[in-house]
Amino acid sequence: MKQISFPLSRHECITLQGNYSSTAGDIELLGRLTGLPLVEKSQCAPEVVWEPCGKPVPPDSVVVYRTKTVRMVYCDNDHSFHLYLLNDSQLYRKIYGVFLWHLSILCAAVAAILRGKKVLIVHCSMLEKASRALLLMGESGIGKSTSMRRWQASGGRGVSDDMVLLEYAEDDRILVHHMPTWSACRVGLENLYYPFEVPLELASVLAVTRGKDTEVVDKVSYAEFFAQIYRCCFYHYLFVAGELPEPEKKLLTSAVREWAEVIAGRFPHRALFAHLDGNISKSLEGIL
């Protein structure tokens, strides 16, 4: 069983263990996408373990996610998750392998939070400039990915348009890590790269909505700003949070809310009122 570890700034990491070699679920491909080496075993206790295919799910397990072919089980003794494949019939379908990575990364983030690590997976698009990041947060389908593509077309850099990993640095800065994007990886893996070990400093956050006549960045109320942030902070965890035991559910919810309050309190309450006819590079001038 191989491991891939996502290193954090506080001398910690988030680790996935398991490898279905030569299939779409091979985590060596995840290592290639993130630029991280795989090892046979690290010193870190894994947050997520992929069990051998066909291994039975222990009776009375806390199953937080289930389909016809997969179960994700939570173990409260060490705050870890274990992925059980009931059969390998879909392991050779690329989209299924990407789904397993996505599910595993989300559960690994939950486990890390439950173990006290200061991290959070967030649903957003990330625009980049000079090692600094601007996060665009808003409802699914509101235009975050389109705004990132417009930023790219204007000469800017943007890699992640679905989720990123936030962490508190030891100096209280918020760092942002690229994470493989479901929307892109499920279509294809060629020429995709999410360099994990080059975190960016979070420069600002904008809520995203659609502009009626023109594109502009403008003030919004704290309530509107916070609502968009909280929604994006909790979005991905909806897959598994509902089936967690009550103490863990409360701890996760509290951690997500704390992150949302920190972000809403640290940055100006502004929104990008996006418009396809706008010049996004000019719209964001002075913000990133």
C-alpha atoms as a PDB file:
ATOM      1  CA  MET A   1       0.000   0.000   0.000  1.00  0.00           C
ATOM      2  CA  LYS A   2       1.438   3.331  -1.043  1.00  0.00           C
ATOM      3  CA  GLN A   3       0.931   6.716   0.562  1.00  0.00           C
ATOM      4  CA  ILE A   4       0.732  10.259  -0.734  1.00  0.00           C
ATOM      5  CA  SER A   5       1.185  13.063   1.788  1.00  0.00           C
ATOM      6  CA  PHE A   6       0.131  16.668   1.321  1.00  0.00           C
ATOM      7  CA  PRO A   7       2.661  18.647   3.419  1.00  0.00           C
ATOM      8  CA  LEU A   8       1.442  21.557   5.550  1.00  0.00           C
ATOM      9  CA  SER A   9       3.346  24.506   6.979  1.00  0.00           C
ATOM     10  CA  ARG A  10       2.979  23.486  10.641  1.00  0.00           C
ATOM     11  CA  HIS A  11       5.223  20.429  10.222  1.00  0.00           C
ATOM     12  CA  GLU A  12       2.113  18.347   9.568  1.00  0.00           C
ATOM     13  CA  CYS A  13       0.608  16.662   6.546  1.00  0.00           C
ATOM     14  CA  ILE A  14      -2.564  15.044   5.243  1.00  0.00           C
ATOM     15  CA  THR A  15      -2.010  11.471   4.059  1.00  0.00           C
ATOM     16  CA  LEU A  16      -3.928   9.084   1.809  1.00  0.00           C
ATOM     17  CA  GLN A  17      -2.993   5.396   1.755  1.00  0.00           C
ATOM     18  CA  GLY A  18      -3.893   2.882  -0.924  1.00  0.00           C
ATOM     19  CA  ASN A  19      -3.069   2.142  -4.513  1.00  0.00           C
ATOM     20  CA  TYR A  20      -4.995   0.192  -7.141  1.00  0.00           C
ATOM     21  CA  SER A  21      -2.090   0.014  -9.581  1.00  0.00           C
ATOM     22  CA  SER A  22      -2.679   0.218 -13.327  1.00  0.00           C
ATOM     23  CA  THR A  23      -6.281   1.354 -12.913  1.00  0.00           C
ATOM     24  CA  ALA A  24      -8.062   4.694 -13.028  1.00  0.00           C
ATOM     25  CA  GLY A  25      -7.892   4.705  -9.226  1.00  0.00           C
ATOM     26  CA  ASP A  26      -4.091   4.559  -9.144  1.00  0.00           C
ATOM     27  CA  ILE A  27      -3.014   7.317  -6.764  1.00  0.00           C
ATOM     28  CA  GLU A  28       0.302   7.565  -8.612  1.00  0.00           C
ATOM     29  CA  LEU A  29      -1.700   9.646 -11.100  1.00  0.00           C
ATOM     30  CA  LEU A  30      -2.809  11.871  -8.228  1.00  0.00           C
ATOM     31  CA  GLY A  31       0.851  12.225  -7.291  1.00  0.00           C
ATOM     32  CA  ARG A  32       1.674  13.301 -10.836  1.00  0.00           C
ATOM     33  CA  LEU A  33      -1.106  15.883 -10.857  1.00  0.00           C
ATOM     34  CA  THR A  34       0.075  17.432  -7.578  1.00  0.00           C
ATOM     35  CA  GLY A  35       3.817  16.955  -8.031  1.00  0.00           C
ATOM     36  CA  LEU A  36       4.071  14.882  -4.836  1.00  0.00           C
ATOM     37  CA  PRO A  37       6.097  11.674  -4.510  1.00  0.00           C
ATOM     38  CA  LEU A  38       4.521   8.443  -3.289  1.00  0.00           C
ATOM     39  CA  VAL A  39       6.182   6.393  -0.567  1.00  0.00           C
ATOM     40  CA  GLU A  40       5.629   2.855   0.682  1.00  0.00           C
ATOM     41  CA  LYS A  41       4.879   4.162   4.164  1.00  0.00           C
ATOM     42  CA  SER A  42       5.418   7.486   5.887  1.00  0.00           C
ATOM     43  CA  GLN A  43       5.660   8.350   9.553  1.00  0.00           C
ATOM     44  CA  CYS A  44       2.216   9.953   9.435  1.00  0.00           C
ATOM     45  CA  ALA A  45      -0.951   8.079  10.345  1.00  0.00           C
ATOM     46  CA  PRO A  46      -3.144   8.249   7.223  1.00  0.00           C
ATOM     47  CA  GLU A  47      -6.402  10.166   7.297  1.00  0.00           C
ATOM     48  CA  VAL A  48      -7.847   7.921   4.554  1.00  0.00           C
ATOM     49  CA  VAL A  49      -7.073   4.263   3.829  1.00  0.00           C
ATOM     50  CA  TRP A  50      -8.210   2.493   0.655  1.00  0.00           C
ATOM     51  CA  GLU A  51      -8.876  -1.074   1.743  1.00  0.00           C
ATOM     52  CA  PRO A  52      -8.195  -4.022  -0.607  1.00  0.00           C
ATOM     53  CA  CYS A  53     -10.990  -4.528  -3.112  1.00  0.00           C
ATOM     54  CA  GLY A  54     -13.605  -6.978  -1.911  1.00  0.00           C
ATOM     55  CA  LYS A  55     -12.641  -6.715   1.766  1.00  0.00           C
ATOM     56  CA  PRO A  56     -15.903  -6.829   3.736  1.00  0.00           C
ATOM     57  CA  VAL A  57     -17.092  -3.739   5.590  1.00  0.00           C
ATOM     58  CA  PRO A  58     -16.958  -4.430   9.355  1.00  0.00           C
ATOM     59  CA  PRO A  59     -20.389  -4.848  10.942  1.00  0.00           C
ATOM     60  CA  ASP A  60     -21.820  -1.836  12.789  1.00  0.00           C
ATOM     61  CA  SER A  61     -19.491   0.507  10.899  1.00  0.00           C
ATOM     62  CA  VAL A  62     -20.330   4.201  10.600  1.00  0.00           C
ATOM     63  CA  VAL A  63     -20.853   4.437   6.837  1.00  0.00           C
ATOM     64  CA  VAL A  64     -20.773   8.090   5.796  1.00  0.00           C
ATOM     65  CA  TYR A  65     -21.064   7.543   2.042  1.00  0.00           C
ATOM     66  CA  ARG A  66     -22.409   4.633   0.016  1.00  0.00           C
ATOM     67  CA  THR A  67     -23.117   3.701  -3.594  1.00  0.00           C
ATOM     68  CA  LYS A  68     -23.598   0.340  -5.324  1.00  0.00           C
ATOM     69  CA  THR A  69     -19.828  -0.142  -5.485  1.00  0.00           C
ATOM     70  CA  VAL A  70     -18.208   1.880  -2.685  1.00  0.00           C
ATOM     71  CA  ARG A  71     -18.515   2.519   1.044  1.00  0.00           C
ATOM     72  CA  MET A  72     -16.677   5.212   3.005  1.00  0.00           C
ATOM     73  CA  VAL A  73     -16.453   4.262   6.686  1.00  0.00           C
ATOM     74  CA  TYR A  74     -15.558   6.554   9.587  1.00  0.00           C
ATOM     75  CA  CYS A  75     -13.482   5.187  12.491  1.00  0.00           C
ATOM     76  CA  ASP A  76     -13.853   7.267  15.632  1.00  0.00           C
ATOM     77  CA  ASN A  77     -10.923   5.691  17.490  1.00  0.00           C
ATOM     78  CA  ASP A  78      -8.392   7.604  15.366  1.00  0.00           C
ATOM     79  CA  HIS A  79     -10.608   9.966  13.317  1.00  0.00           C
ATOM     80  CA  SER A  80      -9.809   8.177  10.061  1.00  0.00           C
ATOM     81  CA  PHE A  81     -11.831   7.124   7.024  1.00  0.00           C
ATOM     82  CA  HIS A  82     -11.632   3.778   5.207  1.00  0.00           C
ATOM     83  CA  LEU A  83     -12.756   3.294   1.633  1.00  0.00           C
ATOM     84  CA  TYR A  84     -14.171  -0.127   0.727  1.00  0.00           C
ATOM     85  CA  LEU A  85     -14.766  -1.146  -2.891  1.00  0.00           C
ATOM     86  CA  LEU A  86     -17.368  -3.881  -3.178  1.00  0.00           C
ATOM     87  CA  ASN A  87     -16.019  -4.868  -6.608  1.00  0.00           C
ATOM     88  CA  ASP A  88     -13.518  -3.537  -9.116  1.00  0.00           C
ATOM     89  CA  SER A  89     -15.855  -3.376 -12.108  1.00  0.00           C
ATOM     90  CA  GLN A  90     -15.557   0.398 -12.420  1.00  0.00           C
ATOM     91  CA  LEU A  91     -11.924   0.867 -11.404  1.00  0.00           C
ATOM     92  CA  TYR A  92     -10.848   1.142 -15.022  1.00  0.00           C
ATOM     93  CA  ARG A  93     -13.172   4.040 -15.801  1.00  0.00           C
ATOM     94  CA  LYS A  94     -11.252   7.317 -15.551  1.00  0.00           C
ATOM     95  CA  ILE A  95     -14.168   9.306 -14.164  1.00  0.00           C
ATOM     96  CA  TYR A  96     -14.609   6.733 -11.379  1.00  0.00           C
ATOM     97  CA  GLY A  97     -10.951   6.959 -10.382  1.00  0.00           C
ATOM     98  CA  VAL A  98     -11.177  10.748 -10.252  1.00  0.00           C
ATOM     99  CA  PHE A  99     -14.312  10.429  -8.130  1.00  0.00           C
ATOM    100  CA  LEU A 100     -12.435   8.216  -5.635  1.00  0.00           C
ATOM    101  CA  TRP A 101      -9.643  10.802  -5.343  1.00  0.00           C
ATOM    102  CA  HIS A 102     -12.191  13.555  -4.866  1.00  0.00           C
ATOM    103  CA  LEU A 103     -14.084  11.629  -2.176  1.00  0.00           C
ATOM    104  CA  SER A 104     -10.835  10.645  -0.452  1.00  0.00           C
ATOM    105  CA  ILE A 105      -9.468  14.199  -0.413  1.00  0.00           C
ATOM    106  CA  LEU A 106     -12.698  15.499   1.096  1.00  0.00           C
ATOM    107  CA  CYS A 107     -12.728  12.803   3.783  1.00  0.00           C
ATOM    108  CA  ALA A 108      -9.034  13.393   4.462  1.00  0.00           C
ATOM    109  CA  ALA A 109      -9.797  17.065   5.075  1.00  0.00           C
ATOM    110  CA  VAL A 110     -12.598  16.118   7.481  1.00  0.00           C
ATOM    111  CA  ALA A 111     -10.271  13.732   9.328  1.00  0.00           C
ATOM    112  CA  ALA A 112      -7.575  16.411   9.513  1.00  0.00           C
ATOM    113  CA  ILE A 113     -10.056  18.883  11.017  1.00  0.00           C
ATOM    114  CA  LEU A 114     -11.233  16.290  13.551  1.00  0.00           C
ATOM    115  CA  ARG A 115      -7.589  15.690  14.482  1.00  0.00           C
ATOM    116  CA  GLY A 116      -7.165  19.394  15.204  1.00  0.00           C
ATOM    117  CA  LYS A 117      -5.337  20.529  12.073  1.00  0.00           C
ATOM    118  CA  LYS A 118      -6.054  24.080  10.927  1.00  0.00           C
ATOM    119  CA  VAL A 119      -7.153  23.284   7.389  1.00  0.00           C
ATOM    120  CA  LEU A 120     -10.269  23.534   5.230  1.00  0.00           C
ATOM    121  CA  ILE A 121     -11.303  22.471   1.736  1.00  0.00           C
ATOM    122  CA  VAL A 122     -13.220  25.319   0.075  1.00  0.00           C
ATOM    123  CA  HIS A 123     -15.432  25.403  -3.026  1.00  0.00           C
ATOM    124  CA  CYS A 124     -14.183  28.326  -5.109  1.00  0.00           C
ATOM    125  CA  SER A 125     -12.142  29.483  -8.081  1.00  0.00           C
ATOM    126  CA  MET A 126      -8.651  30.808  -7.445  1.00  0.00           C
ATOM    127  CA  LEU A 127      -6.981  33.578  -9.431  1.00  0.00           C
ATOM    128  CA  GLU A 128      -3.232  33.983  -8.996  1.00  0.00           C
ATOM    129  CA  LYS A 129      -0.664  36.745  -9.323  1.00  0.00           C
ATOM    130  CA  ALA A 130       2.853  37.054  -7.900  1.00  0.00           C
ATOM    131  CA  SER A 131       2.427  34.125  -5.450  1.00  0.00           C
ATOM    132  CA  ARG A 132      -0.783  35.608  -4.080  1.00  0.00           C
ATOM    133  CA  ALA A 133      -4.310  34.257  -4.430  1.00  0.00           C
ATOM    134  CA  LEU A 134      -7.740  35.780  -4.854  1.00  0.00           C
ATOM    135  CA  LEU A 135     -10.647  33.446  -4.118  1.00  0.00           C
ATOM    136  CA  LEU A 136     -13.971  33.830  -5.906  1.00  0.00           C
ATOM    137  CA  MET A 137     -16.784  32.362  -3.806  1.00  0.00           C
ATOM    138  CA  GLY A 138     -20.402  31.959  -4.747  1.00  0.00           C
ATOM    139  CA  GLU A 139     -23.182  29.532  -5.520  1.00  0.00           C
ATOM    140  CA  SER A 140     -22.531  26.667  -7.908  1.00  0.00           C
ATOM    141  CA  GLY A 141     -23.149  27.860 -11.464  1.00  0.00           C
ATOM    142  CA  ILE A 142     -22.969  31.566 -10.634  1.00  0.00           C
ATOM    143  CA  GLY A 143     -19.889  32.158 -12.828  1.00  0.00           C
ATOM    144  CA  LYS A 144     -16.762  31.412 -10.772  1.00  0.00           C
ATOM    145  CA  SER A 145     -15.200  29.099 -13.385  1.00  0.00           C
ATOM    146  CA  THR A 146     -16.177  31.430 -16.216  1.00  0.00           C
ATOM    147  CA  SER A 147     -14.553  34.321 -14.363  1.00  0.00           C
ATOM    148  CA  MET A 148     -11.381  32.276 -13.963  1.00  0.00           C
ATOM    149  CA  ARG A 149     -11.321  31.456 -17.687  1.00  0.00           C
ATOM    150  CA  ARG A 150     -11.762  35.155 -18.478  1.00  0.00           C
ATOM    151  CA  TRP A 151      -8.868  35.900 -16.111  1.00  0.00           C
ATOM    152  CA  GLN A 152      -6.735  33.345 -17.970  1.00  0.00           C
ATOM    153  CA  ALA A 153      -7.737  34.836 -21.322  1.00  0.00           C
ATOM    154  CA  SER A 154      -6.593  38.261 -20.100  1.00  0.00           C
ATOM    155  CA  GLY A 155      -3.127  36.855 -19.390  1.00  0.00           C
ATOM    156  CA  GLY A 156      -3.628  35.936 -15.723  1.00  0.00           C
ATOM    157  CA  ARG A 157      -2.953  32.588 -14.077  1.00  0.00           C
ATOM    158  CA  GLY A 158      -5.654  30.329 -12.667  1.00  0.00           C
ATOM    159  CA  VAL A 159      -5.394  26.586 -12.002  1.00  0.00           C
ATOM    160  CA  SER A 160      -8.059  25.495  -9.502  1.00  0.00           C
ATOM    161  CA  ASP A 161     -11.683  26.290 -10.283  1.00  0.00           C
ATOM    162  CA  ASP A 162     -13.533  23.905  -7.970  1.00  0.00           C
ATOM    163  CA  MET A 163     -11.690  23.448  -4.692  1.00  0.00           C
ATOM    164  CA  VAL A 164      -8.578  24.572  -2.837  1.00  0.00           C
ATOM    165  CA  LEU A 165      -7.094  23.725   0.553  1.00  0.00           C
ATOM    166  CA  LEU A 166      -6.712  26.545   3.073  1.00  0.00           C
ATOM    167  CA  GLU A 167      -4.400  26.345   6.082  1.00  0.00           C
ATOM    168  CA  TYR A 168      -3.283  28.645   8.848  1.00  0.00           C
ATOM    169  CA  ALA A 169       0.445  29.285   8.677  1.00  0.00           C
ATOM    170  CA  GLU A 170       2.418  29.554  11.903  1.00  0.00           C
ATOM    171  CA  ASP A 171       2.591  33.349  11.434  1.00  0.00           C
ATOM    172  CA  ASP A 172      -1.240  33.511  11.190  1.00  0.00           C
ATOM    173  CA  ARG A 173      -1.284  34.049   7.431  1.00  0.00           C
ATOM    174  CA  ILE A 174      -3.790  32.019   5.432  1.00  0.00           C
ATOM    175  CA  LEU A 175      -2.127  29.877   2.786  1.00  0.00           C
ATOM    176  CA  VAL A 176      -3.878  28.416  -0.248  1.00  0.00           C
ATOM    177  CA  HIS A 177      -2.938  25.142  -1.949  1.00  0.00           C
ATOM    178  CA  HIS A 178      -3.942  24.016  -5.421  1.00  0.00           C
ATOM    179  CA  MET A 179      -6.073  20.869  -5.437  1.00  0.00           C
ATOM    180  CA  PRO A 180      -7.099  18.719  -8.424  1.00  0.00           C
ATOM    181  CA  THR A 181     -10.297  20.091  -9.858  1.00  0.00           C
ATOM    182  CA  TRP A 182     -13.165  17.684 -10.396  1.00  0.00           C
ATOM    183  CA  SER A 183     -14.619  19.686 -13.283  1.00  0.00           C
ATOM    184  CA  ALA A 184     -11.363  19.437 -15.244  1.00  0.00           C
ATOM    185  CA  CYS A 185     -10.029  16.022 -14.170  1.00  0.00           C
ATOM    186  CA  ARG A 186     -13.250  14.173 -14.951  1.00  0.00           C
ATOM    187  CA  VAL A 187     -12.921  15.369 -18.567  1.00  0.00           C
ATOM    188  CA  GLY A 188      -9.231  14.539 -18.989  1.00  0.00           C
ATOM    189  CA  LEU A 189      -5.917  14.386 -17.163  1.00  0.00           C
ATOM    190  CA  GLU A 190      -3.533  15.473 -19.911  1.00  0.00           C
ATOM    191  CA  ASN A 191      -1.519  18.638 -19.291  1.00  0.00           C
ATOM    192  CA  LEU A 192      -3.115  19.217 -15.878  1.00  0.00           C
ATOM    193  CA  TYR A 193      -0.864  20.163 -12.977  1.00  0.00           C
ATOM    194  CA  TYR A 194      -1.753  21.329  -9.462  1.00  0.00           C
ATOM    195  CA  PRO A 195       1.570  22.075  -7.717  1.00  0.00           C
ATOM    196  CA  PHE A 196       0.743  21.444  -4.074  1.00  0.00           C
ATOM    197  CA  GLU A 197       4.068  22.364  -2.499  1.00  0.00           C
ATOM    198  CA  VAL A 198       3.901  25.942  -3.743  1.00  0.00           C
ATOM    199  CA  PRO A 199       1.205  27.459  -1.511  1.00  0.00           C
ATOM    200  CA  LEU A 200       0.047  30.987  -2.185  1.00  0.00           C
ATOM    201  CA  GLU A 201      -0.757  33.652   0.368  1.00  0.00           C
ATOM    202  CA  LEU A 202      -4.441  34.567   0.454  1.00  0.00           C
ATOM    203  CA  ALA A 203      -4.641  38.193  -0.686  1.00  0.00           C
ATOM    204  CA  SER A 204      -8.405  38.678  -0.758  1.00  0.00           C
ATOM    205  CA  VAL A 205     -11.819  37.068  -1.215  1.00  0.00           C
ATOM    206  CA  LEU A 206     -14.717  38.221  -3.355  1.00  0.00           C
ATOM    207  CA  ALA A 207     -18.269  36.970  -3.374  1.00  0.00           C
ATOM    208  CA  VAL A 208     -19.461  36.389  -6.949  1.00  0.00           C
ATOM    209  CA  THR A 209     -22.766  37.352  -8.469  1.00  0.00           C
ATOM    210  CA  ARG A 210     -23.874  38.407 -11.945  1.00  0.00           C
ATOM    211  CA  GLY A 211     -23.752  42.014 -13.017  1.00  0.00           C
ATOM    212  CA  LYS A 212     -26.800  43.359 -14.844  1.00  0.00           C
ATOM    213  CA  ASP A 213     -25.314  45.982 -17.143  1.00  0.00           C
ATOM    214  CA  THR A 214     -21.597  46.111 -16.456  1.00  0.00           C
ATOM    215  CA  GLU A 215     -18.864  44.433 -14.434  1.00  0.00           C
ATOM    216  CA  VAL A 216     -17.851  46.021 -11.170  1.00  0.00           C
ATOM    217  CA  VAL A 217     -16.424  45.205  -7.752  1.00  0.00           C
ATOM    218  CA  ASP A 218     -18.602  46.783  -5.100  1.00  0.00           C
ATOM    219  CA  LYS A 219     -19.387  46.624  -1.398  1.00  0.00           C
ATOM    220  CA  VAL A 220     -21.975  44.179  -0.089  1.00  0.00           C
ATOM    221  CA  SER A 221     -23.419  43.705   3.372  1.00  0.00           C
ATOM    222  CA  TYR A 222     -21.620  41.557   5.916  1.00  0.00           C
ATOM    223  CA  ALA A 223     -24.589  39.177   5.958  1.00  0.00           C
ATOM    224  CA  GLU A 224     -24.451  38.621   2.178  1.00  0.00           C
ATOM    225  CA  PHE A 225     -20.658  38.290   2.183  1.00  0.00           C
ATOM    226  CA  PHE A 226     -20.632  35.849   5.094  1.00  0.00           C
ATOM    227  CA  ALA A 227     -23.451  33.757   3.609  1.00  0.00           C
ATOM    228  CA  GLN A 228     -21.516  33.228   0.378  1.00  0.00           C
ATOM    229  CA  ILE A 229     -18.331  32.344   2.240  1.00  0.00           C
ATOM    230  CA  TYR A 230     -20.028  29.938   4.641  1.00  0.00           C
ATOM    231  CA  ARG A 231     -21.848  28.229   1.786  1.00  0.00           C
ATOM    232  CA  CYS A 232     -18.563  27.671  -0.080  1.00  0.00           C
ATOM    233  CA  CYS A 233     -16.701  26.568   3.050  1.00  0.00           C
ATOM    234  CA  PHE A 234     -19.291  23.860   3.762  1.00  0.00           C
ATOM    235  CA  TYR A 235     -20.223  22.906   0.179  1.00  0.00           C
ATOM    236  CA  HIS A 236     -17.960  19.877  -0.341  1.00  0.00           C
ATOM    237  CA  TYR A 237     -18.566  18.390   3.105  1.00  0.00           C
ATOM    238  CA  LEU A 238     -22.249  17.825   2.362  1.00  0.00           C
ATOM    239  CA  PHE A 239     -21.192  14.479   0.839  1.00  0.00           C
ATOM    240  CA  VAL A 240     -20.283  12.986   4.202  1.00  0.00           C
ATOM    241  CA  ALA A 241     -21.115  15.325   7.089  1.00  0.00           C
ATOM    242  CA  GLY A 242     -24.704  14.201   7.522  1.00  0.00           C
ATOM    243  CA  GLU A 243     -23.753  10.641   8.507  1.00  0.00           C
ATOM    244  CA  LEU A 244     -20.995  11.508  10.977  1.00  0.00           C
ATOM    245  CA  PRO A 245     -21.600  10.818  14.676  1.00  0.00           C
ATOM    246  CA  GLU A 246     -23.108  13.809  16.440  1.00  0.00           C
ATOM    247  CA  PRO A 247     -19.926  14.942  18.305  1.00  0.00           C
ATOM    248  CA  GLU A 248     -17.880  14.901  15.089  1.00  0.00           C
ATOM    249  CA  LYS A 249     -20.663  16.620  13.183  1.00  0.00           C
ATOM    250  CA  LYS A 250     -20.712  19.448  15.735  1.00  0.00           C
ATOM    251  CA  LEU A 251     -16.914  19.753  15.669  1.00  0.00           C
ATOM    252  CA  LEU A 252     -16.818  19.914  11.869  1.00  0.00           C
ATOM    253  CA  THR A 253     -19.634  22.457  11.715  1.00  0.00           C
ATOM    254  CA  SER A 254     -17.932  24.592  14.354  1.00  0.00           C
ATOM    255  CA  ALA A 255     -14.601  24.503  12.494  1.00  0.00           C
ATOM    256  CA  VAL A 256     -16.232  25.473   9.189  1.00  0.00           C
ATOM    257  CA  ARG A 257     -18.073  28.365  10.801  1.00  0.00           C
ATOM    258  CA  GLU A 258     -14.887  29.543  12.503  1.00  0.00           C
ATOM    259  CA  TRP A 259     -13.084  29.599   9.147  1.00  0.00           C
ATOM    260  CA  ALA A 260     -15.957  31.518   7.537  1.00  0.00           C
ATOM    261  CA  GLU A 261     -15.945  34.072  10.356  1.00  0.00           C
ATOM    262  CA  VAL A 262     -12.176  34.547  10.098  1.00  0.00           C
ATOM    263  CA  ILE A 263     -12.333  35.108   6.337  1.00  0.00           C
ATOM    264  CA  ALA A 264     -15.330  37.443   6.579  1.00  0.00           C
ATOM    265  CA  GLY A 265     -13.597  39.399   9.341  1.00  0.00           C
ATOM    266  CA  ARG A 266     -10.220  39.635   7.633  1.00  0.00           C
ATOM    267  CA  PHE A 267     -11.180  40.916   4.184  1.00  0.00           C
ATOM    268  CA  PRO A 268     -13.388  43.778   2.907  1.00  0.00           C
ATOM    269  CA  HIS A 269     -16.991  42.791   2.237  1.00  0.00           C
ATOM    270  CA  ARG A 270     -17.016  43.025  -1.542  1.00  0.00           C
ATOM    271  CA  ALA A 271     -18.482  41.166  -4.493  1.00  0.00           C
ATOM    272  CA  LEU A 272     -17.504  40.787  -8.109  1.00  0.00           C
ATOM    273  CA  PHE A 273     -20.613  41.597 -10.125  1.00  0.00           C
ATOM    274  CA  ALA A 274     -19.384  39.655 -13.142  1.00  0.00           C
ATOM    275  CA  HIS A 275     -20.338  40.433 -16.723  1.00  0.00           C
ATOM    276  CA  LEU A 276     -19.130  38.695 -19.876  1.00  0.00           C
ATOM    277  CA  ASP A 277     -18.543  42.027 -21.609  1.00  0.00           C
ATOM    278  CA  GLY A 278     -16.334  43.272 -18.778  1.00  0.00           C
ATOM    279  CA  ASN A 279     -12.547  43.548 -18.641  1.00  0.00           C
ATOM    280  CA  ILE A 280     -11.847  41.345 -15.603  1.00  0.00           C
ATOM    281  CA  SER A 281      -8.191  42.335 -15.444  1.00  0.00           C
ATOM    282  CA  LYS A 282      -9.228  45.965 -15.100  1.00  0.00           C
ATOM    283  CA  SER A 283     -12.105  45.078 -12.768  1.00  0.00           C
ATOM    284  CA  LEU A 284      -9.704  43.408 -10.322  1.00  0.00           C
ATOM    285  CA  GLU A 285      -6.963  46.016 -10.617  1.00  0.00           C
ATOM    286  CA  GLY A 286      -5.629  46.824  -7.162  1.00  0.00           C
ATOM    287  CA  ILE A 287      -7.236  43.754  -5.583  1.00  0.00           C
ATOM    288  CA  LEU A 288      -4.780  41.136  -6.850  1.00  0.00           C
END
